[in-house]
C-alpha atoms as a PDB file:
ATOM      1  CA  UNK A   1     -86.567 136.341 141.756  1.00  0.00           C
ATOM      2  CA  UNK A   2     -90.185 135.235 141.211  1.00  0.00           C
ATOM      3  CA  UNK A   3     -89.278 133.936 137.747  1.00  0.00           C
ATOM      4  CA  UNK A   4     -86.417 131.847 139.172  1.00  0.00           C
ATOM      5  CA  UNK A   5     -88.651 130.304 141.858  1.00  0.00           C
ATOM      6  CA  UNK A   6     -91.431 129.556 139.346  1.00  0.00           C
ATOM      7  CA  UNK A   7     -88.968 128.024 136.842  1.00  0.00           C
ATOM      8  CA  UNK A   8     -87.365 125.910 139.609  1.00  0.00           C
ATOM      9  CA  UNK A   9     -90.767 124.618 140.763  1.00  0.00           C
ATOM     10  CA  UNK A  10     -91.879 123.855 137.191  1.00  0.00           C
ATOM     11  CA  UNK A  11     -88.598 122.022 136.469  1.00  0.00           C
ATOM     12  CA  UNK A  12     -88.976 120.010 139.679  1.00  0.00           C
ATOM     13  CA  UNK A  13     -92.510 118.959 138.746  1.00  0.00           C
ATOM     14  CA  UNK A  14     -91.466 118.160 135.190  1.00  0.00           C
ATOM     15  CA  UNK A  15     -88.482 116.044 136.268  1.00  0.00           C
ATOM     16  CA  UNK A  16     -90.502 114.179 138.920  1.00  0.00           C
ATOM     17  CA  UNK A  17     -93.210 113.238 136.399  1.00  0.00           C
ATOM     18  CA  UNK A  18     -90.632 111.765 134.018  1.00  0.00           C
ATOM     19  CA  UNK A  19     -89.045 109.839 136.890  1.00  0.00           C
ATOM     20  CA  UNK A  20     -92.239 107.880 137.594  1.00  0.00           C
ATOM     21  CA  UNK A  21     -92.257 104.193 136.668  1.00  0.00           C
ATOM     22  CA  UNK A  22     -95.181 102.916 134.685  1.00  0.00           C
ATOM     23  CA  UNK A  23     -96.793  99.837 136.278  1.00  0.00           C
ATOM     24  CA  UNK A  24     -96.498  97.867 133.072  1.00  0.00           C
ATOM     25  CA  UNK A  25     -92.749  98.531 132.869  1.00  0.00           C
ATOM     26  CA  UNK A  26     -92.019  97.339 136.381  1.00  0.00           C
ATOM     27  CA  UNK A  27     -91.376  93.626 136.765  1.00  0.00           C
ATOM     28  CA  UNK A  28     -90.612  92.202 140.168  1.00  0.00           C
ATOM     29  CA  UNK A  29     -89.259  88.670 140.040  1.00  0.00           C
ATOM     30  CA  UNK A  30     -89.468  88.291 143.820  1.00  0.00           C
ATOM     31  CA  UNK A  31     -92.463  87.078 145.796  1.00  0.00           C
ATOM     32  CA  UNK A  32     -93.800  84.486 148.167  1.00  0.00           C
ATOM     33  CA  UNK A  33     -96.032  81.436 148.071  1.00  0.00           C
ATOM     34  CA  UNK A  34     -97.794  78.817 150.146  1.00  0.00           C
ATOM     35  CA  UNK A  35     -98.607  75.276 149.035  1.00  0.00           C
ATOM     36  CA  UNK A  36    -100.718  72.245 149.878  1.00  0.00           C
ATOM     37  CA  UNK A  37     -99.252  68.954 148.653  1.00  0.00           C
ATOM     38  CA  UNK A  38     -99.974  65.242 148.514  1.00  0.00           C
ATOM     39  CA  UNK A  39     -97.541  62.468 147.708  1.00  0.00           C
ATOM     40  CA  UNK A  40     -98.463  58.907 146.712  1.00  0.00           C
ATOM     41  CA  UNK A  41     -95.782  56.215 146.972  1.00  0.00           C
ATOM     42  CA  UNK A  42     -95.195  52.788 148.509  1.00  0.00           C
ATOM     43  CA  UNK A  43     -94.213  51.967 152.068  1.00  0.00           C
ATOM     44  CA  UNK A  44     -93.433  48.360 152.891  1.00  0.00           C
ATOM     45  CA  UNK A  45     -95.056  47.306 149.594  1.00  0.00           C
ATOM     46  CA  UNK A  46     -98.382  49.127 150.192  1.00  0.00           C
ATOM     47  CA  UNK A  47     -99.717  52.476 148.999  1.00  0.00           C
ATOM     48  CA  UNK A  48     -98.711  55.297 151.353  1.00  0.00           C
ATOM     49  CA  UNK A  49    -100.308  58.726 151.192  1.00  0.00           C
ATOM     50  CA  UNK A  50     -98.361  61.648 152.627  1.00  0.00           C
ATOM     51  CA  UNK A  51    -100.004  65.067 152.876  1.00  0.00           C
ATOM     52  CA  UNK A  52     -98.708  68.388 154.067  1.00  0.00           C
ATOM     53  CA  UNK A  53     -97.813  71.872 153.043  1.00  0.00           C
ATOM     54  CA  UNK A  54     -95.113  74.417 152.824  1.00  0.00           C
ATOM     55  CA  UNK A  55     -94.169  77.822 151.609  1.00  0.00           C
ATOM     56  CA  UNK A  56     -91.344  80.152 150.935  1.00  0.00           C
ATOM     57  CA  UNK A  57     -90.137  83.037 148.858  1.00  0.00           C
ATOM     58  CA  UNK A  58     -88.734  83.543 145.385  1.00  0.00           C
ATOM     59  CA  UNK A  59     -85.591  85.325 144.295  1.00  0.00           C
ATOM     60  CA  UNK A  60     -85.751  85.787 140.536  1.00  0.00           C
ATOM     61  CA  UNK A  61     -86.876  82.289 139.496  1.00  0.00           C
ATOM     62  CA  UNK A  62     -85.340  80.313 142.371  1.00  0.00           C
ATOM     63  CA  UNK A  63     -87.863  79.180 144.990  1.00  0.00           C
ATOM     64  CA  UNK A  64     -86.582  78.737 148.565  1.00  0.00           C
ATOM     65  CA  UNK A  65     -88.826  77.477 151.327  1.00  0.00           C
ATOM     66  CA  UNK A  66     -89.740  74.942 153.954  1.00  0.00           C
ATOM     67  CA  UNK A  67     -92.201  72.043 153.909  1.00  0.00           C
ATOM     68  CA  UNK A  68     -93.722  69.329 156.086  1.00  0.00           C
ATOM     69  CA  UNK A  69     -95.400  65.991 155.284  1.00  0.00           C
ATOM     70  CA  UNK A  70     -97.063  63.313 157.347  1.00  0.00           C
ATOM     71  CA  UNK A  71     -98.329  59.794 156.715  1.00  0.00           C
ATOM     72  CA  UNK A  72    -102.127  59.941 156.473  1.00  0.00           C
ATOM     73  CA  UNK A  73    -103.184  56.335 155.969  1.00  0.00           C
ATOM     74  CA  UNK A  74    -102.834  53.552 158.508  1.00  0.00           C
ATOM     75  CA  UNK A  75    -100.020  50.984 158.664  1.00  0.00           C
ATOM     76  CA  UNK A  76     -99.784  48.388 161.409  1.00  0.00           C
ATOM     77  CA  UNK A  77     -97.804  45.247 162.236  1.00  0.00           C
ATOM     78  CA  UNK A  78     -98.270  42.613 164.924  1.00  0.00           C
ATOM     79  CA  UNK A  79     -95.521  41.223 167.135  1.00  0.00           C
ATOM     80  CA  UNK A  80     -95.203  37.629 168.398  1.00  0.00           C
ATOM     81  CA  UNK A  81     -97.675  38.260 171.252  1.00  0.00           C
ATOM     82  CA  UNK A  82    -100.351  39.467 168.779  1.00  0.00           C
ATOM     83  CA  UNK A  83    -100.077  43.130 169.859  1.00  0.00           C
ATOM     84  CA  UNK A  84    -100.662  45.505 166.957  1.00  0.00           C
ATOM     85  CA  UNK A  85     -98.331  48.473 166.412  1.00  0.00           C
ATOM     86  CA  UNK A  86     -99.496  51.438 164.364  1.00  0.00           C
ATOM     87  CA  UNK A  87     -96.891  53.358 162.357  1.00  0.00           C
ATOM     88  CA  UNK A  88     -96.663  57.127 162.340  1.00  0.00           C
ATOM     89  CA  UNK A  89     -94.206  59.033 160.154  1.00  0.00           C
ATOM     90  CA  UNK A  90     -93.681  62.753 159.670  1.00  0.00           C
ATOM     91  CA  UNK A  91     -90.885  64.877 158.279  1.00  0.00           C
ATOM     92  CA  UNK A  92     -90.086  68.380 157.091  1.00  0.00           C
ATOM     93  CA  UNK A  93     -87.213  70.496 155.929  1.00  0.00           C
ATOM     94  CA  UNK A  94     -85.826  72.709 153.185  1.00  0.00           C
ATOM     95  CA  UNK A  95     -87.500  72.975 149.789  1.00  0.00           C
ATOM     96  CA  UNK A  96     -85.659  74.352 146.733  1.00  0.00           C
ATOM     97  CA  UNK A  97     -87.340  74.597 143.345  1.00  0.00           C
ATOM     98  CA  UNK A  98     -86.776  76.068 139.907  1.00  0.00           C
ATOM     99  CA  UNK A  99     -89.340  76.534 137.095  1.00  0.00           C
ATOM    100  CA  UNK A 100     -88.241  76.171 133.482  1.00  0.00           C
ATOM    101  CA  UNK A 101     -89.960  78.366 130.846  1.00  0.00           C
ATOM    102  CA  UNK A 102     -92.080  79.943 133.584  1.00  0.00           C
ATOM    103  CA  UNK A 103     -93.490  82.578 131.206  1.00  0.00           C
ATOM    104  CA  UNK A 104     -95.554  79.834 129.563  1.00  0.00           C
ATOM    105  CA  UNK A 105     -98.867  78.806 131.113  1.00  0.00           C
ATOM    106  CA  UNK A 106     -97.693  75.167 131.182  1.00  0.00           C
ATOM    107  CA  UNK A 107     -94.067  74.855 132.275  1.00  0.00           C
ATOM    108  CA  UNK A 108     -91.661  72.396 133.881  1.00  0.00           C
ATOM    109  CA  UNK A 109     -90.609  72.462 137.538  1.00  0.00           C
ATOM    110  CA  UNK A 110     -87.698  70.762 139.300  1.00  0.00           C
ATOM    111  CA  UNK A 111     -87.659  70.507 143.109  1.00  0.00           C
ATOM    112  CA  UNK A 112     -85.297  69.149 145.750  1.00  0.00           C
ATOM    113  CA  UNK A 113     -86.469  68.537 149.315  1.00  0.00           C
ATOM    114  CA  UNK A 114     -84.037  67.813 152.153  1.00  0.00           C
ATOM    115  CA  UNK A 115     -85.778  66.595 155.284  1.00  0.00           C
ATOM    116  CA  UNK A 116     -85.464  65.390 158.834  1.00  0.00           C
ATOM    117  CA  UNK A 117     -88.251  63.568 160.638  1.00  0.00           C
ATOM    118  CA  UNK A 118     -89.259  60.644 162.798  1.00  0.00           C
ATOM    119  CA  UNK A 119     -91.169  57.398 162.848  1.00  0.00           C
ATOM    120  CA  UNK A 120     -93.333  56.225 165.739  1.00  0.00           C
ATOM    121  CA  UNK A 121     -94.716  52.825 166.615  1.00  0.00           C
ATOM    122  CA  UNK A 122     -97.679  52.977 168.994  1.00  0.00           C
ATOM    123  CA  UNK A 123     -99.265  49.804 170.374  1.00  0.00           C
ATOM    124  CA  UNK A 124    -102.917  49.168 171.235  1.00  0.00           C
ATOM    125  CA  UNK A 125    -102.317  50.482 174.778  1.00  0.00           C
ATOM    126  CA  UNK A 126    -101.167  53.833 173.289  1.00  0.00           C
ATOM    127  CA  UNK A 127     -97.615  53.108 174.406  1.00  0.00           C
ATOM    128  CA  UNK A 128     -94.970  54.432 172.039  1.00  0.00           C
ATOM    129  CA  UNK A 129     -92.173  51.893 171.659  1.00  0.00           C
ATOM    130  CA  UNK A 130     -90.061  53.291 168.823  1.00  0.00           C
ATOM    131  CA  UNK A 131     -89.183  56.848 167.961  1.00  0.00           C
ATOM    132  CA  UNK A 132     -86.712  56.575 165.096  1.00  0.00           C
ATOM    133  CA  UNK A 133     -85.083  59.541 163.409  1.00  0.00           C
ATOM    134  CA  UNK A 134     -84.876  59.711 159.624  1.00  0.00           C
ATOM    135  CA  UNK A 135     -83.160  61.940 157.084  1.00  0.00           C
ATOM    136  CA  UNK A 136     -84.548  62.257 153.583  1.00  0.00           C
ATOM    137  CA  UNK A 137     -83.674  63.460 150.107  1.00  0.00           C
ATOM    138  CA  UNK A 138     -86.487  63.837 147.585  1.00  0.00           C
ATOM    139  CA  UNK A 139     -85.753  65.048 144.041  1.00  0.00           C
ATOM    140  CA  UNK A 140     -88.805  65.617 141.851  1.00  0.00           C
ATOM    141  CA  UNK A 141     -89.591  66.724 138.339  1.00  0.00           C
ATOM    142  CA  UNK A 142     -93.020  67.735 137.093  1.00  0.00           C
ATOM    143  CA  UNK A 143     -95.232  70.070 135.161  1.00  0.00           C
ATOM    144  CA  UNK A 144     -96.849  73.209 136.569  1.00  0.00           C
ATOM    145  CA  UNK A 145     -99.965  74.993 135.298  1.00  0.00           C
ATOM    146  CA  UNK A 146    -100.477  78.706 135.942  1.00  0.00           C
ATOM    147  CA  UNK A 147    -104.246  79.054 136.389  1.00  0.00           C
ATOM    148  CA  UNK A 148    -103.818  82.766 137.189  1.00  0.00           C
ATOM    149  CA  UNK A 149    -101.119  85.143 138.358  1.00  0.00           C
ATOM    150  CA  UNK A 150    -101.496  83.852 141.921  1.00  0.00           C
ATOM    151  CA  UNK A 151    -102.613  80.216 141.520  1.00  0.00           C
ATOM    152  CA  UNK A 152    -100.475  77.265 140.326  1.00  0.00           C
ATOM    153  CA  UNK A 153    -101.230  73.554 140.055  1.00  0.00           C
ATOM    154  CA  UNK A 154     -98.422  71.030 139.708  1.00  0.00           C
ATOM    155  CA  UNK A 155     -97.993  67.282 139.365  1.00  0.00           C
ATOM    156  CA  UNK A 156     -94.992  65.106 138.774  1.00  0.00           C
ATOM    157  CA  UNK A 157     -92.707  62.237 139.665  1.00  0.00           C
ATOM    158  CA  UNK A 158     -90.502  62.015 142.752  1.00  0.00           C
ATOM    159  CA  UNK A 159     -88.205  59.609 144.539  1.00  0.00           C
ATOM    160  CA  UNK A 160     -88.011  59.776 148.321  1.00  0.00           C
ATOM    161  CA  UNK A 161     -84.818  58.282 149.716  1.00  0.00           C
ATOM    162  CA  UNK A 162     -84.664  57.845 153.517  1.00  0.00           C
ATOM    163  CA  UNK A 163     -81.587  57.377 155.709  1.00  0.00           C
ATOM    164  CA  UNK A 164     -81.940  56.000 159.239  1.00  0.00           C
ATOM    165  CA  UNK A 165     -79.155  56.248 161.870  1.00  0.00           C
ATOM    166  CA  UNK A 166     -80.910  53.328 163.620  1.00  0.00           C
ATOM    167  CA  UNK A 167     -83.404  51.259 161.581  1.00  0.00           C
ATOM    168  CA  UNK A 168     -86.985  51.332 162.881  1.00  0.00           C
ATOM    169  CA  UNK A 169     -88.461  48.246 164.532  1.00  0.00           C
ATOM    170  CA  UNK A 170     -90.673  45.962 162.383  1.00  0.00           C
ATOM    171  CA  UNK A 171     -89.780  47.917 159.196  1.00  0.00           C
ATOM    172  CA  UNK A 172     -86.646  48.030 157.101  1.00  0.00           C
ATOM    173  CA  UNK A 173     -84.986  51.305 156.123  1.00  0.00           C
ATOM    174  CA  UNK A 174     -85.568  50.413 152.450  1.00  0.00           C
ATOM    175  CA  UNK A 175     -89.331  50.231 152.978  1.00  0.00           C
ATOM    176  CA  UNK A 176     -89.403  54.044 153.429  1.00  0.00           C
ATOM    177  CA  UNK A 177     -87.491  54.737 150.174  1.00  0.00           C
ATOM    178  CA  UNK A 178     -89.570  54.562 147.002  1.00  0.00           C
ATOM    179  CA  UNK A 179     -90.641  56.390 143.833  1.00  0.00           C
ATOM    180  CA  UNK A 180     -93.981  58.125 143.710  1.00  0.00           C
ATOM    181  CA  UNK A 181     -96.151  60.853 142.248  1.00  0.00           C
ATOM    182  CA  UNK A 182     -97.178  64.158 143.770  1.00  0.00           C
ATOM    183  CA  UNK A 183     -99.801  66.846 143.285  1.00  0.00           C
ATOM    184  CA  UNK A 184     -99.625  70.374 144.647  1.00  0.00           C
ATOM    185  CA  UNK A 185    -101.623  73.592 144.752  1.00  0.00           C
ATOM    186  CA  UNK A 186     -99.647  76.817 145.220  1.00  0.00           C
ATOM    187  CA  UNK A 187    -100.996  80.245 146.038  1.00  0.00           C
ATOM    188  CA  UNK A 188     -98.747  83.303 145.967  1.00  0.00           C
ATOM    189  CA  UNK A 189     -97.190  86.061 143.929  1.00  0.00           C
ATOM    190  CA  UNK A 190     -95.459  84.330 141.052  1.00  0.00           C
END
């Protein structure tokens, strides 16, 4: 009886040691990330700088997340009575991305951002006169650099196309749609 118990215990220990996974053999293609981003494009013929952030999770190589951006530089127009109206614009939504050849330190990245947001016109008396809703589609293609296992830098080209149910006052709907460039810093488990 003692021999049977000892052999059973030894077999259990032996089997459990062979069942262990070596850290180097285990690859997990899932993870999460956070990002800071800046976008440079034109708005009504002038340089517009949008900044924001986002984050999400990864399933295999597909990145799924959310993002937000806001206009950081100042745009204003005057009406016929010489009252100045400052423009505000912010949007956010779903962010889908896919890296190509991600095992390389330098690799390509393709993103698609679908957004909803609003524009605001505020006069010199801090009275908001226009609160227009916008929908956006922004495909982008760029290059990403893996500085470490948790830090990525990316830059590329994008085109932001905006749809307005009702056009904003003093601006055309086309003035919000334009090509541009973006830069991004991502921190996460890639």
